[in-house]
Each structure stands twice: as structure tokens, then as C-alpha cells.
Protein backbone atom coordinates (compact mmCIF):
# COMPACT_ATOMS: atom_id res chain seq x y z
CA MET A 1 41.22 42.53 107.79
CA LYS A 2 44.49 41.03 109.17
CA TYR A 3 45.52 39.90 105.50
CA ASN A 4 44.92 43.27 104.11
CA ALA A 5 46.79 45.11 106.76
CA ALA A 6 49.96 42.74 106.13
CA ILE A 7 49.67 43.63 102.33
CA CYS A 8 49.69 47.17 103.20
CA GLY A 9 52.49 46.84 105.43
CA VAL A 10 54.62 45.03 102.77
CA SER A 11 53.60 47.46 100.01
CA ILE A 12 54.76 50.20 102.20
CA TYR A 13 58.00 48.48 102.96
CA HIS A 14 58.85 47.68 99.40
CA SER A 15 57.44 51.18 98.01
CA GLU A 16 60.63 52.33 96.90
CA GLU A 17 61.73 49.07 95.16
CA LEU A 18 58.15 49.10 93.48
CA LEU A 19 58.64 52.56 92.47
CA LEU A 20 61.85 51.67 90.77
CA VAL A 21 60.29 48.56 89.00
CA THR A 22 57.56 50.82 87.88
CA LEU A 23 59.83 53.39 86.28
CA LEU A 24 61.93 50.74 84.62
CA ILE A 25 58.70 49.04 83.28
CA GLY A 26 57.56 52.49 82.03
CA TYR A 27 61.09 53.26 80.46
CA ILE A 28 61.17 49.80 78.81
CA SER A 29 57.57 49.96 77.64
CA SER A 30 58.47 53.54 76.13
CA ILE A 31 61.48 52.41 74.19
CA PHE A 32 59.28 49.39 72.85
CA HIS A 33 56.37 51.89 71.75
CA ARG A 34 59.14 54.24 70.15
CA GLN A 35 60.59 51.26 68.07
CA LEU A 36 57.13 49.95 67.11
CA THR A 37 55.99 53.64 65.81
CA HIS A 38 59.32 53.86 63.95
CA SER A 39 58.98 50.59 62.23
CA ASP A 40 55.49 51.45 61.24
CA ASP A 41 56.95 54.57 59.79
């Protein structure tokens, strides 16, 4: 229980950083996906 609470506290504390990282990963993956689809064409 305490371990889960600590994880929740950390996730809330770093929520903004995680959001930026998630957006970055999604942006990069979309670029790679575009390159793959264009190379297939």
C-alpha cells in the first residue's frame, strides 16, 4: 500500500514531464511511421 502511494505521488509530481515525454515519443513515432509508409510507396 505504501509502495503504491509513493508511486502515485511520484507520478503526480512528474506528471508534466511524463506528458511532455509522451508527446515527444508520439511525435517521433508518427514521423517514423510517415517515413515507413512513404518508403513503402
